[in-house]
N, C-alpha and C. Protein backbone atom coordinates (compact mmCIF):
# COMPACT_ATOMS: atom_id res chain seq x y z
N MET A 1 21.48 -6.51 30.04
CA MET A 1 20.96 -7.21 31.20
C MET A 1 19.35 -7.40 30.61
N CYS A 2 18.80 -8.38 30.91
CA CYS A 2 17.52 -9.24 30.38
C CYS A 2 16.67 -8.37 31.06
N ALA A 3 15.77 -7.92 29.89
CA ALA A 3 14.62 -6.94 30.16
C ALA A 3 13.78 -7.32 31.38
N LEU A 4 13.02 -8.76 31.39
CA LEU A 4 11.77 -8.50 31.53
C LEU A 4 11.87 -9.97 32.90
N ILE A 5 13.30 -10.74 32.93
CA ILE A 5 13.21 -11.53 34.16
C ILE A 5 15.10 -11.17 34.39
N ARG A 6 15.57 -11.20 35.74
CA ARG A 6 16.89 -10.91 36.18
C ARG A 6 17.77 -12.43 35.85
N CYS A 7 17.99 -13.31 34.93
CA CYS A 7 18.70 -14.06 34.60
C CYS A 7 20.09 -15.03 35.52
N ASP A 8 20.41 -15.83 36.06
CA ASP A 8 21.79 -16.07 36.77
C ASP A 8 23.19 -15.05 35.70
N ASP A 9 22.79 -15.28 34.73
CA ASP A 9 23.98 -14.53 33.39
C ASP A 9 23.66 -12.75 33.75
N CYS A 10 22.93 -12.65 34.03
CA CYS A 10 22.49 -10.98 34.62
C CYS A 10 23.40 -10.79 36.28
N GLN A 11 22.47 -11.71 36.72
CA GLN A 11 23.28 -11.46 38.18
C GLN A 11 24.60 -11.51 37.92
N ALA A 12 25.45 -12.46 37.61
CA ALA A 12 27.10 -12.92 37.16
C ALA A 12 27.39 -11.39 36.80
N ALA A 13 26.70 -10.71 35.77
CA ALA A 13 27.30 -9.50 34.97
C ALA A 13 27.42 -8.40 35.72
N GLU A 14 26.17 -8.76 36.67
CA GLU A 14 26.70 -7.27 37.63
C GLU A 14 27.43 -7.56 38.82
N ALA A 15 27.46 -8.91 39.32
CA ALA A 15 28.54 -8.52 40.17
C ALA A 15 30.57 -8.66 39.53
N GLY A 16 29.62 -8.35 37.71
CA GLY A 16 31.40 -8.06 38.00
C GLY A 16 32.00 -9.24 36.90
N GLN A 17 31.30 -10.11 36.92
CA GLN A 17 31.85 -11.89 35.92
C GLN A 17 31.33 -11.43 34.57
N TYR A 18 32.00 -10.60 33.97
CA TYR A 18 31.41 -10.50 32.86
C TYR A 18 31.77 -11.82 31.52
N ASP A 19 29.99 -12.39 31.02
CA ASP A 19 29.67 -13.50 30.51
C ASP A 19 29.94 -13.03 28.72
N LEU A 20 30.92 -13.87 27.88
CA LEU A 20 30.93 -13.16 26.90
C LEU A 20 29.62 -13.93 26.14
N LEU A 21 29.48 -15.33 26.55
CA LEU A 21 27.92 -16.42 25.95
C LEU A 21 26.94 -15.02 26.19
N HIS A 22 26.45 -14.66 27.48
CA HIS A 22 25.98 -14.13 27.81
C HIS A 22 25.23 -12.72 27.07
N THR A 23 26.60 -11.78 26.55
CA THR A 23 26.39 -10.89 25.62
C THR A 23 25.52 -11.13 24.30
N VAL A 24 26.78 -12.45 24.04
CA VAL A 24 26.07 -13.19 22.58
C VAL A 24 24.64 -13.39 22.75
N THR A 25 24.39 -14.03 23.55
CA THR A 25 22.80 -14.34 23.52
C THR A 25 21.71 -13.44 23.45
N GLN A 26 22.22 -11.99 24.30
CA GLN A 26 21.32 -10.89 24.74
C GLN A 26 21.04 -10.37 22.81
N ARG A 27 22.78 -10.64 22.29
CA ARG A 27 21.98 -10.00 21.12
C ARG A 27 21.72 -10.36 19.95
N LEU A 28 21.44 -11.99 20.18
CA LEU A 28 20.99 -12.43 19.25
C LEU A 28 19.48 -12.70 19.72
N GLY A 29 19.03 -12.27 20.64
CA GLY A 29 17.55 -12.08 21.32
C GLY A 29 17.31 -11.05 20.56
N ARG A 30 18.06 -9.69 20.66
CA ARG A 30 17.95 -8.85 20.07
C ARG A 30 17.65 -8.44 18.67
N VAL A 31 18.64 -9.24 17.58
CA VAL A 31 18.16 -9.50 16.51
C VAL A 31 16.92 -10.13 15.97
N HIS A 32 17.24 -11.41 16.90
CA HIS A 32 15.77 -12.19 16.58
C HIS A 32 14.10 -11.23 16.75
N LEU A 33 14.32 -10.25 18.00
CA LEU A 33 13.43 -9.67 17.81
C LEU A 33 13.27 -8.72 16.94
N GLN A 34 14.17 -8.06 16.32
CA GLN A 34 13.94 -7.14 15.45
C GLN A 34 13.67 -7.73 13.96
N GLN A 35 13.72 -9.31 14.11
CA GLN A 35 13.63 -9.88 12.97
C GLN A 35 12.32 -10.23 12.61
N GLN A 36 11.59 -10.05 14.22
CA GLN A 36 10.15 -10.85 14.33
C GLN A 36 9.32 -9.56 13.90
N THR A 37 9.99 -8.53 14.33
CA THR A 37 9.16 -6.90 14.12
C THR A 37 9.13 -6.28 12.26
N SER A 38 10.62 -6.40 12.00
CA SER A 38 10.37 -6.60 10.38
C SER A 38 9.63 -7.34 9.75
N GLU A 39 9.45 -8.71 10.52
CA GLU A 39 7.90 -9.54 9.51
C GLU A 39 6.76 -8.91 9.80
N VAL A 40 6.19 -8.35 11.09
CA VAL A 40 5.14 -7.58 11.44
C VAL A 40 4.68 -6.70 10.53
N LEU A 41 6.01 -5.87 10.34
CA LEU A 41 5.77 -4.43 9.30
C LEU A 41 5.65 -5.10 7.89
N LEU A 42 6.22 -6.03 7.32
CA LEU A 42 6.13 -6.35 6.81
C LEU A 42 4.46 -7.61 5.82
N HIS A 43 3.96 -7.89 6.87
CA HIS A 43 3.05 -8.42 6.48
C HIS A 43 2.06 -7.44 6.70
N ALA A 44 2.18 -6.47 7.41
CA ALA A 44 1.09 -5.26 7.53
C ALA A 44 1.47 -4.75 6.02
N ARG A 45 1.99 -4.45 5.67
CA ARG A 45 2.23 -3.76 4.47
C ARG A 45 1.66 -4.68 3.55
N ARG A 46 1.66 -6.30 3.26
CA ARG A 46 1.82 -7.13 2.20
C ARG A 46 -0.20 -6.61 2.56
N GLU A 47 -0.50 -6.74 3.46
CA GLU A 47 -2.11 -6.25 3.75
C GLU A 47 -2.42 -5.19 2.97
N SER A 48 -1.90 -4.00 3.42
CA SER A 48 -2.45 -2.98 2.83
C SER A 48 -2.08 -3.13 1.27
N THR A 49 -0.78 -3.23 0.58
CA THR A 49 -0.66 -3.64 -0.49
C THR A 49 -2.15 -4.40 -1.13
N VAL A 50 -2.77 -5.77 -0.33
CA VAL A 50 -3.33 -6.52 -1.53
C VAL A 50 -4.76 -5.68 -1.40
N GLY A 51 -5.03 -4.98 0.33
CA GLY A 51 -6.21 -4.09 -0.34
C GLY A 51 -6.14 -3.10 -1.56
N VAL A 52 -5.22 -1.99 -1.17
CA VAL A 52 -4.84 -1.41 -2.77
C VAL A 52 -5.92 -2.52 -3.28
N HIS A 53 -5.16 -3.38 -4.67
CA HIS A 53 -5.34 -3.95 -5.40
C HIS A 53 -6.59 -4.33 -5.47
N ARG A 54 -6.86 -4.89 -4.46
CA ARG A 54 -8.59 -5.07 -4.18
C ARG A 54 -9.15 -4.07 -4.74
N ARG A 55 -9.17 -2.86 -4.25
CA ARG A 55 -10.25 -2.18 -4.07
C ARG A 55 -9.90 -1.31 -6.23
N ALA A 56 -8.40 -1.11 -6.44
CA ALA A 56 -8.63 -0.72 -7.79
C ALA A 56 -9.06 -1.84 -8.89
N LEU A 57 -9.09 -2.76 -8.85
CA LEU A 57 -9.84 -4.19 -9.21
C LEU A 57 -11.03 -3.95 -9.01
N ALA A 58 -11.28 -3.66 -8.04
CA ALA A 58 -12.90 -3.17 -7.93
C ALA A 58 -13.62 -2.64 -8.43
N ALA A 59 -13.25 -1.21 -8.64
CA ALA A 59 -13.51 0.27 -9.16
C ALA A 59 -13.07 -0.30 -10.86
N LEU A 60 -12.44 -0.87 -10.79
CA LEU A 60 -12.20 -1.41 -12.35
C LEU A 60 -13.55 -2.07 -13.04
N THR A 61 -13.54 -3.20 -12.44
CA THR A 61 -15.10 -4.01 -12.82
C THR A 61 -16.03 -3.45 -12.83
N GLN A 62 -16.50 -2.06 -11.80
CA GLN A 62 -17.47 -1.50 -11.60
C GLN A 62 -17.72 -0.47 -12.99
N TYR A 63 -16.59 0.04 -12.94
CA TYR A 63 -16.46 0.76 -14.37
C TYR A 63 -16.72 -0.14 -15.66
N GLY A 64 -16.08 -0.80 -15.44
CA GLY A 64 -16.48 -1.66 -16.68
C GLY A 64 -17.93 -2.39 -17.04
N ILE A 65 -18.68 -3.14 -15.47
CA ILE A 65 -19.73 -2.97 -15.79
C ILE A 65 -21.03 -1.86 -15.93
N VAL A 66 -20.60 -0.62 -15.43
CA VAL A 66 -21.37 0.44 -15.98
C VAL A 66 -20.99 0.54 -17.65
N TYR A 67 -20.26 0.74 -18.30
CA TYR A 67 -20.07 1.62 -19.25
C TYR A 67 -19.16 -0.03 -20.57
N HIS A 68 -19.41 -0.76 -19.57
CA HIS A 68 -19.24 -2.28 -20.90
C HIS A 68 -17.71 -2.10 -21.96
N ALA A 69 -16.46 -1.57 -21.36
CA ALA A 69 -15.64 -0.31 -21.75
C ALA A 69 -14.31 -0.89 -21.54
N ILE A 70 -14.21 -2.09 -20.79
CA ILE A 70 -12.79 -2.09 -20.26
C ILE A 70 -12.56 -4.21 -20.60
N THR A 71 -11.77 -3.78 -20.93
CA THR A 71 -10.50 -5.21 -21.43
C THR A 71 -9.19 -5.10 -21.10
N LEU A 72 -8.96 -6.09 -20.58
CA LEU A 72 -7.15 -6.40 -20.11
C LEU A 72 -6.27 -7.16 -21.06
N PRO A 73 -5.38 -6.75 -21.93
CA PRO A 73 -5.02 -5.74 -21.42
C PRO A 73 -5.95 -4.57 -22.22
N THR A 74 -5.86 -3.12 -21.58
CA THR A 74 -6.29 -2.19 -22.12
C THR A 74 -5.72 -1.23 -22.70
N SER A 75 -5.94 0.02 -23.29
CA SER A 75 -5.05 1.30 -23.88
C SER A 75 -5.16 2.65 -23.06
N ALA A 76 -4.52 3.30 -23.41
CA ALA A 76 -4.34 4.30 -23.03
C ALA A 76 -5.42 5.26 -22.90
N LEU A 77 -6.44 5.07 -24.16
CA LEU A 77 -7.67 5.82 -24.13
C LEU A 77 -8.85 5.35 -22.73
N GLN A 78 -8.79 4.11 -22.71
CA GLN A 78 -9.86 3.59 -21.77
C GLN A 78 -9.37 3.72 -20.41
N VAL A 79 -8.02 3.73 -20.01
CA VAL A 79 -7.39 4.37 -18.78
C VAL A 79 -7.69 5.62 -18.82
N GLY A 80 -7.82 7.04 -19.28
CA GLY A 80 -7.83 7.87 -19.47
C GLY A 80 -9.42 8.02 -18.96
N HIS A 81 -10.37 7.28 -19.64
CA HIS A 81 -11.73 7.17 -19.45
C HIS A 81 -12.27 6.65 -17.94
N TRP A 82 -11.53 5.61 -17.71
CA TRP A 82 -11.60 5.03 -16.06
C TRP A 82 -11.29 6.18 -15.24
N VAL A 83 -9.85 6.92 -15.41
CA VAL A 83 -9.13 8.01 -14.34
C VAL A 83 -10.49 9.09 -14.16
N THR A 84 -11.13 9.34 -15.30
CA THR A 84 -11.93 10.65 -15.89
C THR A 84 -13.91 10.22 -14.90
N TRP A 85 -13.84 8.96 -14.76
CA TRP A 85 -14.94 8.24 -14.47
C TRP A 85 -14.73 8.32 -12.45
N MET A 86 -13.96 7.98 -12.07
CA MET A 86 -13.44 7.89 -10.89
C MET A 86 -13.30 9.51 -10.40
N LEU A 87 -12.92 10.11 -11.18
CA LEU A 87 -12.79 11.75 -11.09
C LEU A 87 -13.88 12.23 -10.40
N LEU A 88 -14.76 12.57 -11.54
CA LEU A 88 -15.76 12.75 -11.91
C LEU A 88 -17.13 12.85 -11.56
N ILE A 89 -17.42 10.89 -11.91
CA ILE A 89 -18.85 10.75 -11.90
C ILE A 89 -18.77 9.45 -11.24
N ARG A 90 -17.99 8.73 -10.91
CA ARG A 90 -18.47 7.77 -9.58
C ARG A 90 -18.84 8.34 -8.49
N ASP A 91 -19.52 7.19 -7.87
CA ASP A 91 -20.08 7.82 -6.24
C ASP A 91 -19.90 7.13 -5.68
N PRO A 92 -18.83 6.99 -4.57
CA PRO A 92 -18.48 8.67 -4.41
C PRO A 92 -16.96 8.62 -5.04
N THR A 93 -16.67 9.88 -5.40
CA THR A 93 -15.72 10.35 -6.47
C THR A 93 -14.33 10.13 -5.54
N LEU A 94 -13.08 9.95 -6.39
CA LEU A 94 -12.60 9.42 -5.61
C LEU A 94 -10.99 10.37 -5.83
N ASP A 95 -10.09 10.73 -4.51
CA ASP A 95 -9.77 11.68 -4.40
C ASP A 95 -8.31 11.48 -5.60
N PRO A 96 -7.82 12.44 -6.41
CA PRO A 96 -6.58 12.44 -7.42
C PRO A 96 -5.35 11.45 -6.85
N SER A 97 -4.70 11.55 -5.58
CA SER A 97 -4.25 10.41 -5.06
C SER A 97 -4.45 9.02 -5.44
N THR A 98 -5.63 9.04 -4.47
CA THR A 98 -6.01 7.69 -4.61
C THR A 98 -6.48 6.44 -6.03
N ILE A 99 -6.57 8.05 -6.88
CA ILE A 99 -6.80 7.25 -8.38
C ILE A 99 -5.55 6.80 -9.12
N GLN A 100 -4.39 8.07 -8.35
CA GLN A 100 -2.85 7.58 -8.96
C GLN A 100 -2.46 6.22 -8.29
N LEU A 101 -3.08 6.00 -7.28
CA LEU A 101 -2.56 4.61 -7.07
C LEU A 101 -3.19 3.04 -7.45
N TYR A 102 -4.64 3.78 -7.70
CA TYR A 102 -5.37 2.69 -8.52
C TYR A 102 -4.96 3.02 -9.89
N VAL A 103 -4.28 3.51 -10.67
CA VAL A 103 -3.68 3.46 -12.24
C VAL A 103 -2.28 2.75 -11.71
N SER A 104 -1.30 2.91 -11.03
CA SER A 104 -0.23 2.04 -10.55
C SER A 104 -0.78 0.38 -10.48
N VAL A 105 -1.78 0.04 -10.09
CA VAL A 105 -2.11 -1.38 -9.92
C VAL A 105 -2.46 -1.99 -11.57
N LEU A 106 -2.84 -0.56 -11.83
CA LEU A 106 -3.28 -1.34 -13.09
C LEU A 106 -2.09 -1.50 -13.91
N SER A 107 -1.01 -0.72 -14.09
CA SER A 107 0.29 -0.48 -14.66
C SER A 107 0.94 -1.58 -14.10
N ASP A 108 1.04 -2.00 -13.01
CA ASP A 108 1.55 -3.31 -12.54
C ASP A 108 1.34 -4.90 -13.36
N TRP A 109 -0.31 -4.87 -13.30
CA TRP A 109 -1.34 -5.69 -14.13
C TRP A 109 -0.33 -6.31 -15.13
N HIS A 110 -0.50 -4.94 -16.19
CA HIS A 110 0.05 -4.44 -17.35
C HIS A 110 1.82 -5.49 -17.63
N GLN A 111 2.75 -4.60 -16.22
CA GLN A 111 3.67 -5.07 -15.90
C GLN A 111 3.74 -7.02 -15.90
N THR A 112 3.58 -7.26 -15.12
CA THR A 112 3.00 -8.48 -14.50
C THR A 112 3.01 -9.37 -15.91
N ALA A 113 2.28 -9.09 -16.92
CA ALA A 113 1.36 -9.81 -17.76
C ALA A 113 2.67 -9.74 -18.71
N ARG A 114 3.02 -8.50 -18.87
CA ARG A 114 3.95 -9.01 -20.19
C ARG A 114 5.30 -9.58 -19.53
N GLU A 115 5.77 -9.93 -18.71
CA GLU A 115 6.54 -10.52 -17.77
C GLU A 115 6.27 -12.15 -17.92
N VAL A 116 4.62 -12.42 -17.65
CA VAL A 116 4.79 -13.80 -17.80
C VAL A 116 3.94 -14.16 -19.15
N THR A 117 3.71 -13.54 -19.57
CA THR A 117 3.24 -14.03 -21.28
C THR A 117 4.12 -13.66 -22.37
N ARG A 118 5.23 -13.07 -21.87
CA ARG A 118 6.62 -12.98 -22.46
C ARG A 118 6.17 -12.05 -23.80
N LEU A 119 4.94 -11.67 -24.12
CA LEU A 119 4.51 -10.74 -24.94
C LEU A 119 4.90 -9.32 -24.94
N PRO A 120 4.97 -8.94 -25.80
CA PRO A 120 4.87 -7.05 -26.27
C PRO A 120 4.34 -6.29 -25.83
N LEU A 121 3.58 -6.22 -24.34
CA LEU A 121 2.55 -5.34 -24.43
C LEU A 121 2.75 -4.62 -24.04
N SER A 122 1.99 -3.59 -24.16
CA SER A 122 2.83 -1.66 -24.05
C SER A 122 2.12 -1.84 -22.52
N ASN A 123 2.56 -0.77 -21.79
CA ASN A 123 1.99 -0.33 -20.15
C ASN A 123 1.21 0.68 -20.95
N PRO A 124 -0.26 1.01 -20.45
CA PRO A 124 -0.97 2.20 -21.59
C PRO A 124 -0.73 3.53 -20.00
N CYS A 125 -0.42 3.16 -18.77
CA CYS A 125 -0.50 3.60 -17.95
C CYS A 125 0.76 4.60 -17.94
N ALA A 126 1.69 4.47 -18.76
CA ALA A 126 3.21 4.71 -18.67
C ALA A 126 3.30 5.78 -19.54
N THR A 127 1.92 6.41 -20.69
CA THR A 127 1.91 6.82 -21.73
C THR A 127 1.82 8.21 -20.79
N PRO A 128 2.19 9.01 -22.15
CA PRO A 128 2.58 11.16 -22.12
C PRO A 128 1.08 11.17 -21.45
N PHE A 129 -0.43 10.77 -22.72
CA PHE A 129 -1.86 10.90 -21.91
C PHE A 129 -2.29 10.84 -20.93
N VAL A 130 -1.42 9.25 -20.14
CA VAL A 130 -2.30 9.22 -18.70
C VAL A 130 -1.50 9.94 -17.86
N ARG A 131 -0.29 10.17 -18.13
CA ARG A 131 0.69 10.56 -16.85
C ARG A 131 -0.02 12.12 -16.95
N SER A 132 -0.38 12.93 -18.28
CA SER A 132 -0.59 14.31 -18.30
C SER A 132 -1.97 14.22 -17.23
N LEU A 133 -2.70 13.22 -17.61
CA LEU A 133 -4.23 13.57 -16.99
C LEU A 133 -4.06 13.51 -15.66
N LEU A 134 -3.30 12.29 -14.98
CA LEU A 134 -3.05 12.68 -13.57
C LEU A 134 -2.67 13.68 -13.22
N ARG A 135 -1.56 14.48 -13.97
CA ARG A 135 -0.94 15.76 -13.23
C ARG A 135 -2.30 16.69 -13.07
N ALA A 136 -2.77 17.02 -14.41
CA ALA A 136 -3.99 17.78 -14.04
C ALA A 136 -5.16 17.24 -13.14
N ALA A 137 -5.03 16.34 -12.80
CA ALA A 137 -6.35 16.15 -11.66
C ALA A 137 -5.54 16.41 -10.64
N ALA A 138 -4.26 16.07 -9.87
CA ALA A 138 -3.77 16.39 -8.70
C ALA A 138 -4.10 17.76 -8.82
N ARG A 139 -3.86 18.62 -10.31
CA ARG A 139 -3.53 19.88 -9.81
C ARG A 139 -5.18 21.04 -9.46
N GLY A 140 -5.82 20.39 -10.09
CA GLY A 140 -7.56 20.78 -10.56
C GLY A 140 -8.30 20.09 -9.21
N TYR A 141 -7.93 19.31 -9.28
CA TYR A 141 -9.43 18.00 -8.13
C TYR A 141 -9.24 17.67 -7.17
N LYS A 142 -7.91 18.32 -6.49
CA LYS A 142 -7.41 17.75 -5.17
C LYS A 142 -8.27 18.06 -3.86
N LYS A 143 -8.91 17.44 -3.34
CA LYS A 143 -9.92 17.35 -2.17
C LYS A 143 -9.04 17.85 -1.15
N GLY A 144 -9.57 18.45 -0.46
CA GLY A 144 -9.22 19.64 0.78
C GLY A 144 -9.61 18.76 1.82
N HIS A 145 -8.72 18.76 3.06
CA HIS A 145 -8.66 17.80 4.36
C HIS A 145 -10.58 18.23 5.49
N GLN A 146 -11.08 17.22 5.24
CA GLN A 146 -12.02 17.39 5.93
C GLN A 146 -11.97 17.25 7.61
N ALA A 147 -12.01 17.92 8.62
CA ALA A 147 -11.68 17.77 9.32
C ALA A 147 -13.44 16.38 10.05
N LYS A 148 -12.75 15.92 11.13
CA LYS A 148 -13.77 14.41 11.35
C LYS A 148 -14.33 15.46 12.52
N GLU A 149 -15.41 14.63 12.59
CA GLU A 149 -16.34 15.16 13.58
C GLU A 149 -16.05 14.71 14.98
N PRO A 150 -15.42 15.77 16.30
CA PRO A 150 -15.03 14.87 17.66
C PRO A 150 -16.06 14.24 18.29
N PHE A 151 -15.66 13.16 18.60
CA PHE A 151 -16.71 12.30 19.94
C PHE A 151 -17.58 12.64 21.22
N THR A 152 -18.52 12.76 21.02
CA THR A 152 -19.35 13.02 22.00
C THR A 152 -19.45 12.33 23.30
N ALA A 153 -20.03 13.01 24.08
CA ALA A 153 -20.35 11.83 25.18
C ALA A 153 -20.96 10.29 25.42
N ARG A 154 -21.52 10.47 24.39
CA ARG A 154 -22.95 9.54 24.31
C ARG A 154 -21.77 8.61 23.35
N GLN A 155 -21.42 8.87 22.46
CA GLN A 155 -20.22 7.78 21.58
C GLN A 155 -19.18 7.55 23.07
N LEU A 156 -18.54 7.58 23.42
CA LEU A 156 -17.45 7.35 24.52
C LEU A 156 -17.90 6.32 25.20
N VAL A 157 -19.02 6.30 25.73
CA VAL A 157 -20.20 5.69 27.07
C VAL A 157 -20.38 4.60 26.26
């Protein structure tokens, strides 16, 4: 049965006149709605991914400006220094899970550069040094969850 309006086909179906064409039309409508829902979710996911990539590249640029030490493609040692900077020195410091996301962005950059240029570029983010540094950061520097302040009556007005 149509959810929003009672069309003639729905009234006929209620009266016992089952219409195959109407059933197919309804199912196609649901499939179309499911496709639109999937597109909305995909768009939101894309926007989120683009945002993470922008923030990661901004953090890399900020590190490069401060230390004049980053070039692309980069080395595992430079990635390690970048991770340490984000973990301990940057203001505000980042949570290890965010740093891991940012390192994955740099890893994606290296993989894409290797595919596009067809050069034998290594991925410094996949080295044992960087992976062990990320594991150590996750173990020793994970920030606890901070409860948010509840809204006051003034803020709600």
